[in-house]
Amino acid sequence: MIISILAGLLSGVISGMGIGGGAVLIPALTFFLKINQHVAQCTNLYYFIPTACVALAIHIKNKNVAFKTVFPILIFGVIGAVLGSFIAVNISTKLLKRIFACFLFLMGINQLMTKKQS
């Protein structure tokens, strides 16, 4: 129970920053709570809806949303979500876990190699 609370809190803070709480929540669910990768990723999607709504409302209030950019990204994001969901439910848990691990690894490398802009 404590791990669930800590994972939810930490991933909520990260989600609120706009980084993506799934990077914390999915590994916490799979490693510590021993939840299947498919179930962990779906749980993350349910978790994402209310946390994203709260974060979005705050960012809109603070005028941190570029609405001209949002709509093209949104349209193709929905198309990508449909394709990604179809792929995810049709591959093995082992492969899905490896793809997610590679994604996190590459994102980490990208963050380490990207020059800081001030």
PDB file of N, CA and C in Angstrom:
ATOM      1  N   MET A   1       0.825  -1.189   0.000  1.00  0.00           N
ATOM      2  CA  MET A   1       0.000   0.000   0.000  1.00  0.00           C
ATOM      3  C   MET A   1       0.874   1.261   0.000  1.00  0.00           C
ATOM      4  N   ILE A   2       1.934   1.257   0.789  1.00  0.00           N
ATOM      5  CA  ILE A   2       2.825   2.418   0.863  1.00  0.00           C
ATOM      6  C   ILE A   2       3.477   2.664  -0.498  1.00  0.00           C
ATOM      7  N   ILE A   3       3.877   1.595  -1.185  1.00  0.00           N
ATOM      8  CA  ILE A   3       4.501   1.746  -2.506  1.00  0.00           C
ATOM      9  C   ILE A   3       3.512   2.367  -3.483  1.00  0.00           C
ATOM     10  N   SER A   4       2.255   1.961  -3.425  1.00  0.00           N
ATOM     11  CA  SER A   4       1.233   2.536  -4.303  1.00  0.00           C
ATOM     12  C   SER A   4       1.063   4.025  -4.034  1.00  0.00           C
ATOM     13  N   ILE A   5       1.034   4.397  -2.772  1.00  0.00           N
ATOM     14  CA  ILE A   5       0.868   5.806  -2.403  1.00  0.00           C
ATOM     15  C   ILE A   5       2.064   6.628  -2.872  1.00  0.00           C
ATOM     16  N   LEU A   6       3.262   6.133  -2.620  1.00  0.00           N
ATOM     17  CA  LEU A   6       4.465   6.857  -3.037  1.00  0.00           C
ATOM     18  C   LEU A   6       4.575   6.957  -4.559  1.00  0.00           C
ATOM     19  N   ALA A   7       4.248   5.868  -5.252  1.00  0.00           N
ATOM     20  CA  ALA A   7       4.290   5.884  -6.723  1.00  0.00           C
ATOM     21  C   ALA A   7       3.281   6.880  -7.274  1.00  0.00           C
ATOM     22  N   GLY A   8       2.078   6.894  -6.697  1.00  0.00           N
ATOM     23  CA  GLY A   8       1.058   7.841  -7.133  1.00  0.00           C
ATOM     24  C   GLY A   8       1.459   9.274  -6.878  1.00  0.00           C
ATOM     25  N   LEU A   9       2.007   9.542  -5.711  1.00  0.00           N
ATOM     26  CA  LEU A   9       2.427  10.902  -5.364  1.00  0.00           C
ATOM     27  C   LEU A   9       3.567  11.383  -6.257  1.00  0.00           C
ATOM     28  N   LEU A  10       4.602  10.564  -6.403  1.00  0.00           N
ATOM     29  CA  LEU A  10       5.755  10.951  -7.214  1.00  0.00           C
ATOM     30  C   LEU A  10       5.379  11.122  -8.684  1.00  0.00           C
ATOM     31  N   SER A  11       4.608  10.184  -9.205  1.00  0.00           N
ATOM     32  CA  SER A  11       4.218  10.304 -10.603  1.00  0.00           C
ATOM     33  C   SER A  11       3.250  11.467 -10.801  1.00  0.00           C
ATOM     34  N   GLY A  12       2.458  11.799  -9.791  1.00  0.00           N
ATOM     35  CA  GLY A  12       1.581  12.972  -9.868  1.00  0.00           C
ATOM     36  C   GLY A  12       2.368  14.267  -9.939  1.00  0.00           C
ATOM     37  N   VAL A  13       3.406  14.374  -9.130  1.00  0.00           N
ATOM     38  CA  VAL A  13       4.266  15.565  -9.175  1.00  0.00           C
ATOM     39  C   VAL A  13       4.914  15.692 -10.546  1.00  0.00           C
ATOM     40  N   ILE A  14       5.427  14.593 -11.059  1.00  0.00           N
ATOM     41  CA  ILE A  14       6.081  14.610 -12.367  1.00  0.00           C
ATOM     42  C   ILE A  14       5.071  14.913 -13.475  1.00  0.00           C
ATOM     43  N   SER A  15       3.866  14.356 -13.371  1.00  0.00           N
ATOM     44  CA  SER A  15       2.815  14.644 -14.360  1.00  0.00           C
ATOM     45  C   SER A  15       2.453  16.122 -14.345  1.00  0.00           C
ATOM     46  N   GLY A  16       2.337  16.691 -13.165  1.00  0.00           N
ATOM     47  CA  GLY A  16       2.001  18.101 -13.037  1.00  0.00           C
ATOM     48  C   GLY A  16       3.039  19.006 -13.667  1.00  0.00           C
ATOM     49  N   MET A  17       4.265  18.546 -13.704  1.00  0.00           N
ATOM     50  CA  MET A  17       5.337  19.313 -14.335  1.00  0.00           C
ATOM     51  C   MET A  17       5.312  19.158 -15.849  1.00  0.00           C
ATOM     52  N   GLY A  18       4.492  18.226 -16.346  1.00  0.00           N
ATOM     53  CA  GLY A  18       4.383  18.004 -17.783  1.00  0.00           C
ATOM     54  C   GLY A  18       5.401  17.025 -18.334  1.00  0.00           C
ATOM     55  N   ILE A  19       6.042  16.285 -17.462  1.00  0.00           N
ATOM     56  CA  ILE A  19       7.095  15.366 -17.888  1.00  0.00           C
ATOM     57  C   ILE A  19       6.521  14.000 -18.259  1.00  0.00           C
ATOM     58  N   GLY A  20       5.525  13.546 -17.540  1.00  0.00           N
ATOM     59  CA  GLY A  20       4.929  12.238 -17.811  1.00  0.00           C
ATOM     60  C   GLY A  20       5.157  11.291 -16.653  1.00  0.00           C
ATOM     61  N   GLY A  21       4.143  11.124 -15.839  1.00  0.00           N
ATOM     62  CA  GLY A  21       4.244  10.282 -14.650  1.00  0.00           C
ATOM     63  C   GLY A  21       4.386   8.807 -14.938  1.00  0.00           C
ATOM     64  N   GLY A  22       4.054   8.392 -16.161  1.00  0.00           N
ATOM     65  CA  GLY A  22       4.177   6.983 -16.520  1.00  0.00           C
ATOM     66  C   GLY A  22       5.598   6.469 -16.430  1.00  0.00           C
ATOM     67  N   ALA A  23       6.553   7.366 -16.579  1.00  0.00           N
ATOM     68  CA  ALA A  23       7.961   6.976 -16.473  1.00  0.00           C
ATOM     69  C   ALA A  23       8.291   6.486 -15.063  1.00  0.00           C
ATOM     70  N   VAL A  24       7.514   6.917 -14.075  1.00  0.00           N
ATOM     71  CA  VAL A  24       7.684   6.456 -12.695  1.00  0.00           C
ATOM     72  C   VAL A  24       6.653   5.383 -12.363  1.00  0.00           C
ATOM     73  N   LEU A  25       5.414   5.628 -12.754  1.00  0.00           N
ATOM     74  CA  LEU A  25       4.326   4.750 -12.348  1.00  0.00           C
ATOM     75  C   LEU A  25       4.438   3.348 -12.941  1.00  0.00           C
ATOM     76  N   ILE A  26       4.727   3.244 -14.214  1.00  0.00           N
ATOM     77  CA  ILE A  26       4.779   1.919 -14.854  1.00  0.00           C
ATOM     78  C   ILE A  26       5.896   1.051 -14.266  1.00  0.00           C
ATOM     79  N   PRO A  27       7.122   1.561 -14.121  1.00  0.00           N
ATOM     80  CA  PRO A  27       8.140   0.717 -13.470  1.00  0.00           C
ATOM     81  C   PRO A  27       7.776   0.361 -12.023  1.00  0.00           C
ATOM     82  N   ALA A  28       7.165   1.293 -11.291  1.00  0.00           N
ATOM     83  CA  ALA A  28       6.765   0.985  -9.910  1.00  0.00           C
ATOM     84  C   ALA A  28       5.738  -0.145  -9.885  1.00  0.00           C
ATOM     85  N   LEU A  29       4.787  -0.090 -10.804  1.00  0.00           N
ATOM     86  CA  LEU A  29       3.764  -1.141 -10.846  1.00  0.00           C
ATOM     87  C   LEU A  29       4.347  -2.492 -11.252  1.00  0.00           C
ATOM     88  N   THR A  30       5.273  -2.482 -12.201  1.00  0.00           N
ATOM     89  CA  THR A  30       5.821  -3.762 -12.678  1.00  0.00           C
ATOM     90  C   THR A  30       6.888  -4.331 -11.749  1.00  0.00           C
ATOM     91  N   PHE A  31       7.781  -3.492 -11.249  1.00  0.00           N
ATOM     92  CA  PHE A  31       8.884  -3.998 -10.422  1.00  0.00           C
ATOM     93  C   PHE A  31       8.457  -4.276  -8.986  1.00  0.00           C
ATOM     94  N   PHE A  32       7.800  -3.317  -8.363  1.00  0.00           N
ATOM     95  CA  PHE A  32       7.507  -3.435  -6.935  1.00  0.00           C
ATOM     96  C   PHE A  32       6.184  -4.129  -6.638  1.00  0.00           C
ATOM     97  N   LEU A  33       5.188  -3.908  -7.494  1.00  0.00           N
ATOM     98  CA  LEU A  33       3.882  -4.513  -7.246  1.00  0.00           C
ATOM     99  C   LEU A  33       3.643  -5.745  -8.112  1.00  0.00           C
ATOM    100  N   LYS A  34       4.617  -6.075  -8.968  1.00  0.00           N
ATOM    101  CA  LYS A  34       4.590  -7.284  -9.804  1.00  0.00           C
ATOM    102  C   LYS A  34       3.332  -7.363 -10.690  1.00  0.00           C
ATOM    103  N   ILE A  35       2.931  -6.232 -11.237  1.00  0.00           N
ATOM    104  CA  ILE A  35       1.776  -6.175 -12.128  1.00  0.00           C
ATOM    105  C   ILE A  35       2.257  -6.389 -13.557  1.00  0.00           C
ATOM    106  N   ASN A  36       1.492  -7.127 -14.337  1.00  0.00           N
ATOM    107  CA  ASN A  36       1.779  -7.393 -15.741  1.00  0.00           C
ATOM    108  C   ASN A  36       1.960  -6.071 -16.501  1.00  0.00           C
ATOM    109  N   GLN A  37       2.879  -6.051 -17.459  1.00  0.00           N
ATOM    110  CA  GLN A  37       3.194  -4.829 -18.217  1.00  0.00           C
ATOM    111  C   GLN A  37       1.960  -4.244 -18.906  1.00  0.00           C
ATOM    112  N   HIS A  38       1.153  -5.089 -19.537  1.00  0.00           N
ATOM    113  CA  HIS A  38      -0.058  -4.589 -20.205  1.00  0.00           C
ATOM    114  C   HIS A  38      -0.991  -3.916 -19.198  1.00  0.00           C
ATOM    115  N   VAL A  39      -1.192  -4.539 -18.049  1.00  0.00           N
ATOM    116  CA  VAL A  39      -2.077  -4.002 -17.022  1.00  0.00           C
ATOM    117  C   VAL A  39      -1.491  -2.715 -16.450  1.00  0.00           C
ATOM    118  N   ALA A  40      -0.176  -2.667 -16.249  1.00  0.00           N
ATOM    119  CA  ALA A  40       0.474  -1.468 -15.723  1.00  0.00           C
ATOM    120  C   ALA A  40       0.309  -0.288 -16.677  1.00  0.00           C
ATOM    121  N   GLN A  41       0.470  -0.532 -17.956  1.00  0.00           N
ATOM    122  CA  GLN A  41       0.340   0.554 -18.929  1.00  0.00           C
ATOM    123  C   GLN A  41      -1.111   1.031 -19.029  1.00  0.00           C
ATOM    124  N   CYS A  42      -2.052   0.110 -18.942  1.00  0.00           N
ATOM    125  CA  CYS A  42      -3.463   0.508 -18.963  1.00  0.00           C
ATOM    126  C   CYS A  42      -3.825   1.267 -17.680  1.00  0.00           C
ATOM    127  N   THR A  43      -3.319   0.806 -16.547  1.00  0.00           N
ATOM    128  CA  THR A  43      -3.544   1.499 -15.280  1.00  0.00           C
ATOM    129  C   THR A  43      -3.005   2.919 -15.360  1.00  0.00           C
ATOM    130  N   ASN A  44      -1.842   3.068 -15.969  1.00  0.00           N
ATOM    131  CA  ASN A  44      -1.247   4.390 -16.153  1.00  0.00           C
ATOM    132  C   ASN A  44      -2.168   5.292 -16.973  1.00  0.00           C
ATOM    133  N   LEU A  45      -2.821   4.737 -17.985  1.00  0.00           N
ATOM    134  CA  LEU A  45      -3.725   5.539 -18.808  1.00  0.00           C
ATOM    135  C   LEU A  45      -4.926   6.029 -17.995  1.00  0.00           C
ATOM    136  N   TYR A  46      -5.492   5.172 -17.148  1.00  0.00           N
ATOM    137  CA  TYR A  46      -6.589   5.590 -16.270  1.00  0.00           C
ATOM    138  C   TYR A  46      -6.120   6.659 -15.292  1.00  0.00           C
ATOM    139  N   TYR A  47      -4.943   6.473 -14.765  1.00  0.00           N
ATOM    140  CA  TYR A  47      -4.350   7.417 -13.817  1.00  0.00           C
ATOM    141  C   TYR A  47      -4.093   8.769 -14.485  1.00  0.00           C
ATOM    142  N   PHE A  48      -3.710   8.712 -15.752  1.00  0.00           N
ATOM    143  CA  PHE A  48      -3.318   9.905 -16.494  1.00  0.00           C
ATOM    144  C   PHE A  48      -4.469  10.889 -16.688  1.00  0.00           C
ATOM    145  N   ILE A  49      -5.681  10.399 -16.896  1.00  0.00           N
ATOM    146  CA  ILE A  49      -6.810  11.266 -17.243  1.00  0.00           C
ATOM    147  C   ILE A  49      -7.052  12.346 -16.177  1.00  0.00           C
ATOM    148  N   PRO A  50      -7.298  12.004 -14.911  1.00  0.00           N
ATOM    149  CA  PRO A  50      -7.550  13.079 -13.941  1.00  0.00           C
ATOM    150  C   PRO A  50      -6.315  13.929 -13.641  1.00  0.00           C
ATOM    151  N   THR A  51      -5.138  13.312 -13.601  1.00  0.00           N
ATOM    152  CA  THR A  51      -3.945  14.112 -13.309  1.00  0.00           C
ATOM    153  C   THR A  51      -3.652  15.085 -14.442  1.00  0.00           C
ATOM    154  N   ALA A  52      -3.853  14.647 -15.675  1.00  0.00           N
ATOM    155  CA  ALA A  52      -3.631  15.535 -16.824  1.00  0.00           C
ATOM    156  C   ALA A  52      -4.649  16.671 -16.835  1.00  0.00           C
ATOM    157  N   CYS A  53      -5.888  16.381 -16.474  1.00  0.00           N
ATOM    158  CA  CYS A  53      -6.919  17.435 -16.450  1.00  0.00           C
ATOM    159  C   CYS A  53      -6.573  18.525 -15.432  1.00  0.00           C
ATOM    160  N   VAL A  54      -6.140  18.120 -14.265  1.00  0.00           N
ATOM    161  CA  VAL A  54      -5.767  19.089 -13.235  1.00  0.00           C
ATOM    162  C   VAL A  54      -4.562  19.910 -13.694  1.00  0.00           C
ATOM    163  N   ALA A  55      -3.530  19.231 -14.180  1.00  0.00           N
ATOM    164  CA  ALA A  55      -2.325  19.935 -14.640  1.00  0.00           C
ATOM    165  C   ALA A  55      -2.655  20.867 -15.806  1.00  0.00           C
ATOM    166  N   LEU A  56      -3.492  20.412 -16.728  1.00  0.00           N
ATOM    167  CA  LEU A  56      -3.864  21.228 -17.872  1.00  0.00           C
ATOM    168  C   LEU A  56      -4.596  22.488 -17.437  1.00  0.00           C
ATOM    169  N   ALA A  57      -5.533  22.354 -16.521  1.00  0.00           N
ATOM    170  CA  ALA A  57      -6.275  23.522 -16.025  1.00  0.00           C
ATOM    171  C   ALA A  57      -5.326  24.554 -15.417  1.00  0.00           C
ATOM    172  N   ILE A  58      -4.367  24.091 -14.650  1.00  0.00           N
ATOM    173  CA  ILE A  58      -3.407  25.020 -14.019  1.00  0.00           C
ATOM    174  C   ILE A  58      -2.520  25.671 -15.073  1.00  0.00           C
ATOM    175  N   HIS A  59      -2.052  24.901 -16.043  1.00  0.00           N
ATOM    176  CA  HIS A  59      -1.199  25.467 -17.089  1.00  0.00           C
ATOM    177  C   HIS A  59      -1.965  26.434 -17.994  1.00  0.00           C
ATOM    178  N   ILE A  60      -3.243  26.151 -18.266  1.00  0.00           N
ATOM    179  CA  ILE A  60      -4.058  27.098 -19.045  1.00  0.00           C
ATOM    180  C   ILE A  60      -4.246  28.385 -18.256  1.00  0.00           C
ATOM    181  N   LYS A  61      -4.544  28.259 -16.972  1.00  0.00           N
ATOM    182  CA  LYS A  61      -4.711  29.435 -16.102  1.00  0.00           C
ATOM    183  C   LYS A  61      -3.462  30.319 -16.118  1.00  0.00           C
ATOM    184  N   ASN A  62      -2.302  29.691 -16.149  1.00  0.00           N
ATOM    185  CA  ASN A  62      -1.029  30.430 -16.151  1.00  0.00           C
ATOM    186  C   ASN A  62      -0.547  30.783 -17.553  1.00  0.00           C
ATOM    187  N   LYS A  63      -1.394  30.555 -18.545  1.00  0.00           N
ATOM    188  CA  LYS A  63      -1.100  30.891 -19.945  1.00  0.00           C
ATOM    189  C   LYS A  63       0.172  30.206 -20.468  1.00  0.00           C
ATOM    190  N   ASN A  64       0.292  28.925 -20.159  1.00  0.00           N
ATOM    191  CA  ASN A  64       1.451  28.145 -20.594  1.00  0.00           C
ATOM    192  C   ASN A  64       1.126  27.163 -21.713  1.00  0.00           C
ATOM    193  N   VAL A  65       0.026  27.396 -22.422  1.00  0.00           N
ATOM    194  CA  VAL A  65      -0.377  26.482 -23.487  1.00  0.00           C
ATOM    195  C   VAL A  65      -0.363  27.230 -24.814  1.00  0.00           C
ATOM    196  N   ALA A  66       0.340  26.684 -25.798  1.00  0.00           N
ATOM    197  CA  ALA A  66       0.395  27.267 -27.150  1.00  0.00           C
ATOM    198  C   ALA A  66      -0.724  26.615 -27.964  1.00  0.00           C
ATOM    199  N   PHE A  67      -1.903  27.211 -27.927  1.00  0.00           N
ATOM    200  CA  PHE A  67      -3.085  26.596 -28.542  1.00  0.00           C
ATOM    201  C   PHE A  67      -2.939  26.372 -30.043  1.00  0.00           C
ATOM    202  N   LYS A  68      -2.200  27.221 -30.753  1.00  0.00           N
ATOM    203  CA  LYS A  68      -2.004  27.022 -32.196  1.00  0.00           C
ATOM    204  C   LYS A  68      -1.240  25.735 -32.470  1.00  0.00           C
ATOM    205  N   THR A  69      -0.411  25.330 -31.552  1.00  0.00           N
ATOM    206  CA  THR A  69       0.384  24.115 -31.694  1.00  0.00           C
ATOM    207  C   THR A  69      -0.391  22.880 -31.233  1.00  0.00           C
ATOM    208  N   VAL A  70      -1.305  23.073 -30.296  1.00  0.00           N
ATOM    209  CA  VAL A  70      -2.011  21.953 -29.684  1.00  0.00           C
ATOM    210  C   VAL A  70      -2.827  21.148 -30.688  1.00  0.00           C
ATOM    211  N   PHE A  71      -3.593  21.801 -31.531  1.00  0.00           N
ATOM    212  CA  PHE A  71      -4.567  21.084 -32.350  1.00  0.00           C
ATOM    213  C   PHE A  71      -3.953  20.141 -33.382  1.00  0.00           C
ATOM    214  N   PRO A  72      -2.917  20.528 -34.125  1.00  0.00           N
ATOM    215  CA  PRO A  72      -2.303  19.535 -35.028  1.00  0.00           C
ATOM    216  C   PRO A  72      -1.685  18.359 -34.261  1.00  0.00           C
ATOM    217  N   ILE A  73      -1.069  18.660 -33.133  1.00  0.00           N
ATOM    218  CA  ILE A  73      -0.474  17.592 -32.322  1.00  0.00           C
ATOM    219  C   ILE A  73      -1.571  16.671 -31.796  1.00  0.00           C
ATOM    220  N   LEU A  74      -2.681  17.250 -31.375  1.00  0.00           N
ATOM    221  CA  LEU A  74      -3.790  16.483 -30.830  1.00  0.00           C
ATOM    222  C   LEU A  74      -4.371  15.520 -31.859  1.00  0.00           C
ATOM    223  N   ILE A  75      -4.595  16.000 -33.065  1.00  0.00           N
ATOM    224  CA  ILE A  75      -5.166  15.150 -34.113  1.00  0.00           C
ATOM    225  C   ILE A  75      -4.269  13.948 -34.387  1.00  0.00           C
ATOM    226  N   PHE A  76      -2.993  14.197 -34.612  1.00  0.00           N
ATOM    227  CA  PHE A  76      -2.088  13.098 -34.922  1.00  0.00           C
ATOM    228  C   PHE A  76      -1.758  12.269 -33.679  1.00  0.00           C
ATOM    229  N   GLY A  77      -1.852  12.874 -32.504  1.00  0.00           N
ATOM    230  CA  GLY A  77      -1.673  12.122 -31.268  1.00  0.00           C
ATOM    231  C   GLY A  77      -2.767  11.091 -31.072  1.00  0.00           C
ATOM    232  N   VAL A  78      -3.997  11.457 -31.408  1.00  0.00           N
ATOM    233  CA  VAL A  78      -5.112  10.509 -31.306  1.00  0.00           C
ATOM    234  C   VAL A  78      -4.913   9.358 -32.296  1.00  0.00           C
ATOM    235  N   ILE A  79      -4.505   9.684 -33.511  1.00  0.00           N
ATOM    236  CA  ILE A  79      -4.229   8.636 -34.511  1.00  0.00           C
ATOM    237  C   ILE A  79      -3.116   7.718 -34.005  1.00  0.00           C
ATOM    238  N   GLY A  80      -2.055   8.310 -33.471  1.00  0.00           N
ATOM    239  CA  GLY A  80      -0.955   7.512 -32.923  1.00  0.00           C
ATOM    240  C   GLY A  80      -1.385   6.665 -31.738  1.00  0.00           C
ATOM    241  N   ALA A  81      -2.289   7.198 -30.904  1.00  0.00           N
ATOM    242  CA  ALA A  81      -2.780   6.432 -29.750  1.00  0.00           C
ATOM    243  C   ALA A  81      -3.569   5.207 -30.195  1.00  0.00           C
ATOM    244  N   VAL A  82      -4.369   5.365 -31.236  1.00  0.00           N
ATOM    245  CA  VAL A  82      -5.122   4.224 -31.759  1.00  0.00           C
ATOM    246  C   VAL A  82      -4.161   3.160 -32.295  1.00  0.00           C
ATOM    247  N   LEU A  83      -3.185   3.598 -33.091  1.00  0.00           N
ATOM    248  CA  LEU A  83      -2.203   2.652 -33.633  1.00  0.00           C
ATOM    249  C   LEU A  83      -1.384   1.996 -32.522  1.00  0.00           C
ATOM    250  N   GLY A  84      -0.915   2.806 -31.582  1.00  0.00           N
ATOM    251  CA  GLY A  84      -0.112   2.273 -30.480  1.00  0.00           C
ATOM    252  C   GLY A  84      -0.877   1.297 -29.612  1.00  0.00           C
ATOM    253  N   SER A  85      -2.147   1.590 -29.349  1.00  0.00           N
ATOM    254  CA  SER A  85      -2.979   0.682 -28.556  1.00  0.00           C
ATOM    255  C   SER A  85      -3.164  -0.641 -29.275  1.00  0.00           C
ATOM    256  N   PHE A  86      -3.409  -0.570 -30.571  1.00  0.00           N
ATOM    257  CA  PHE A  86      -3.574  -1.794 -31.355  1.00  0.00           C
ATOM    258  C   PHE A  86      -2.302  -2.635 -31.309  1.00  0.00           C
ATOM    259  N   ILE A  87      -1.164  -1.981 -31.449  1.00  0.00           N
ATOM    260  CA  ILE A  87       0.117  -2.707 -31.397  1.00  0.00           C
ATOM    261  C   ILE A  87       0.336  -3.296 -30.006  1.00  0.00           C
ATOM    262  N   ALA A  88       0.104  -2.501 -28.957  1.00  0.00           N
ATOM    263  CA  ALA A  88       0.371  -2.948 -27.587  1.00  0.00           C
ATOM    264  C   ALA A  88      -0.440  -4.169 -27.192  1.00  0.00           C
ATOM    265  N   VAL A  89      -1.702  -4.222 -27.595  1.00  0.00           N
ATOM    266  CA  VAL A  89      -2.525  -5.371 -27.191  1.00  0.00           C
ATOM    267  C   VAL A  89      -2.238  -6.615 -28.021  1.00  0.00           C
ATOM    268  N   ASN A  90      -1.492  -6.448 -29.104  1.00  0.00           N
ATOM    269  CA  ASN A  90      -1.208  -7.588 -29.972  1.00  0.00           C
ATOM    270  C   ASN A  90       0.230  -8.088 -29.903  1.00  0.00           C
ATOM    271  N   ILE A  91       1.012  -7.585 -28.957  1.00  0.00           N
ATOM    272  CA  ILE A  91       2.376  -8.097 -28.783  1.00  0.00           C
ATOM    273  C   ILE A  91       2.511  -8.705 -27.395  1.00  0.00           C
ATOM    274  N   SER A  92       3.547  -9.474 -27.204  1.00  0.00           N
ATOM    275  CA  SER A  92       3.749 -10.156 -25.926  1.00  0.00           C
ATOM    276  C   SER A  92       4.139  -9.165 -24.833  1.00  0.00           C
ATOM    277  N   THR A  93       3.865  -9.570 -23.611  1.00  0.00           N
ATOM    278  CA  THR A  93       4.240  -8.744 -22.459  1.00  0.00           C
ATOM    279  C   THR A  93       5.748  -8.519 -22.430  1.00  0.00           C
ATOM    280  N   LYS A  94       6.498  -9.554 -22.739  1.00  0.00           N
ATOM    281  CA  LYS A  94       7.958  -9.456 -22.716  1.00  0.00           C
ATOM    282  C   LYS A  94       8.451  -8.414 -23.717  1.00  0.00           C
ATOM    283  N   LEU A  95       7.917  -8.433 -24.930  1.00  0.00           N
ATOM    284  CA  LEU A  95       8.320  -7.460 -25.948  1.00  0.00           C
ATOM    285  C   LEU A  95       7.874  -6.052 -25.564  1.00  0.00           C
ATOM    286  N   LEU A  96       6.672  -5.926 -25.031  1.00  0.00           N
ATOM    287  CA  LEU A  96       6.176  -4.617 -24.610  1.00  0.00           C
ATOM    288  C   LEU A  96       7.056  -4.028 -23.515  1.00  0.00           C
ATOM    289  N   LYS A  97       7.467  -4.875 -22.588  1.00  0.00           N
ATOM    290  CA  LYS A  97       8.348  -4.431 -21.503  1.00  0.00           C
ATOM    291  C   LYS A  97       9.695  -3.970 -22.061  1.00  0.00           C
ATOM    292  N   ARG A  98      10.220  -4.690 -23.032  1.00  0.00           N
ATOM    293  CA  ARG A  98      11.508  -4.310 -23.638  1.00  0.00           C
ATOM    294  C   ARG A  98      11.395  -3.004 -24.418  1.00  0.00           C
ATOM    295  N   ILE A  99      10.314  -2.847 -25.147  1.00  0.00           N
ATOM    296  CA  ILE A  99      10.110  -1.598 -25.903  1.00  0.00           C
ATOM    297  C   ILE A  99      10.038  -0.418 -24.934  1.00  0.00           C
ATOM    298  N   PHE A 100       9.289  -0.574 -23.836  1.00  0.00           N
ATOM    299  CA  PHE A 100       9.172   0.498 -22.858  1.00  0.00           C
ATOM    300  C   PHE A 100      10.524   0.793 -22.208  1.00  0.00           C
ATOM    301  N   ALA A 101      11.287  -0.240 -21.891  1.00  0.00           N
ATOM    302  CA  ALA A 101      12.612  -0.045 -21.294  1.00  0.00           C
ATOM    303  C   ALA A 101      13.540   0.694 -22.254  1.00  0.00           C
ATOM    304  N   CYS A 102      13.520   0.324 -23.521  1.00  0.00           N
ATOM    305  CA  CYS A 102      14.344   1.013 -24.524  1.00  0.00           C
ATOM    306  C   CYS A 102      13.930   2.468 -24.657  1.00  0.00           C
ATOM    307  N   PHE A 103      12.617   2.727 -24.642  1.00  0.00           N
ATOM    308  CA  PHE A 103      12.122   4.085 -24.713  1.00  0.00           C
ATOM    309  C   PHE A 103      12.645   4.918 -23.541  1.00  0.00           C
ATOM    310  N   LEU A 104      12.529   4.382 -22.322  1.00  0.00           N
ATOM    311  CA  LEU A 104      13.026   5.109 -21.149  1.00  0.00           C
ATOM    312  C   LEU A 104      14.533   5.329 -21.228  1.00  0.00           C
ATOM    313  N   PHE A 105      15.264   4.318 -21.671  1.00  0.00           N
ATOM    314  CA  PHE A 105      16.716   4.434 -21.799  1.00  0.00           C
ATOM    315  C   PHE A 105      17.089   5.530 -22.798  1.00  0.00           C
ATOM    316  N   LEU A 106      16.454   5.515 -23.960  1.00  0.00           N
ATOM    317  CA  LEU A 106      16.753   6.517 -24.985  1.00  0.00           C
ATOM    318  C   LEU A 106      16.368   7.922 -24.530  1.00  0.00           C
ATOM    319  N   MET A 107      15.267   8.046 -23.819  1.00  0.00           N
ATOM    320  CA  MET A 107      14.874   9.360 -23.294  1.00  0.00           C
ATOM    321  C   MET A 107      15.885   9.847 -22.261  1.00  0.00           C
ATOM    322  N   GLY A 108      16.377   8.938 -21.436  1.00  0.00           N
ATOM    323  CA  GLY A 108      17.393   9.307 -20.449  1.00  0.00           C
ATOM    324  C   GLY A 108      18.686   9.755 -21.109  1.00  0.00           C
ATOM    325  N   ILE A 109      19.128   9.022 -22.117  1.00  0.00           N
ATOM    326  CA  ILE A 109      20.331   9.397 -22.862  1.00  0.00           C
ATOM    327  C   ILE A 109      20.142  10.761 -23.514  1.00  0.00           C
ATOM    328  N   ASN A 110      18.965  10.968 -24.112  1.00  0.00           N
ATOM    329  CA  ASN A 110      18.668  12.252 -24.740  1.00  0.00           C
ATOM    330  C   ASN A 110      18.752  13.392 -23.730  1.00  0.00           C
ATOM    331  N   GLN A 111      18.228  13.182 -22.548  1.00  0.00           N
ATOM    332  CA  GLN A 111      18.267  14.230 -21.527  1.00  0.00           C
ATOM    333  C   GLN A 111      19.699  14.507 -21.061  1.00  0.00           C
ATOM    334  N   LEU A 112      20.505  13.475 -20.982  1.00  0.00           N
ATOM    335  CA  LEU A 112      21.904  13.667 -20.575  1.00  0.00           C
ATOM    336  C   LEU A 112      22.733  14.368 -21.637  1.00  0.00           C
ATOM    337  N   MET A 113      22.407  14.124 -22.897  1.00  0.00           N
ATOM    338  CA  MET A 113      23.207  14.655 -23.999  1.00  0.00           C
ATOM    339  C   MET A 113      22.742  16.035 -24.482  1.00  0.00           C
ATOM    340  N   THR A 114      21.522  16.409 -24.154  1.00  0.00           N
ATOM    341  CA  THR A 114      20.989  17.690 -24.613  1.00  0.00           C
ATOM    342  C   THR A 114      21.575  18.818 -23.788  1.00  0.00           C
ATOM    343  N   LYS A 115      22.043  19.836 -24.491  1.00  0.00           N
ATOM    344  CA  LYS A 115      22.599  20.999 -23.793  1.00  0.00           C
ATOM    345  C   LYS A 115      21.486  21.754 -23.106  1.00  0.00           C
ATOM    346  N   LYS A 116      21.788  22.242 -21.939  1.00  0.00           N
ATOM    347  CA  LYS A 116      20.832  23.010 -21.161  1.00  0.00           C
ATOM    348  C   LYS A 116      20.642  24.384 -21.772  1.00  0.00           C
ATOM    349  N   GLN A 117      19.368  24.737 -21.996  1.00  0.00           N
ATOM    350  CA  GLN A 117      19.054  26.060 -22.531  1.00  0.00           C
ATOM    351  C   GLN A 117      18.517  26.922 -21.408  1.00  0.00           C
ATOM    352  N   SER A 118      19.105  28.081 -21.207  1.00  0.00           N
ATOM    353  CA  SER A 118      18.654  28.964 -20.128  1.00  0.00           C
ATOM    354  C   SER A 118      17.977  30.182 -20.656  1.00  0.00           C
TER     355      SER A 118
END
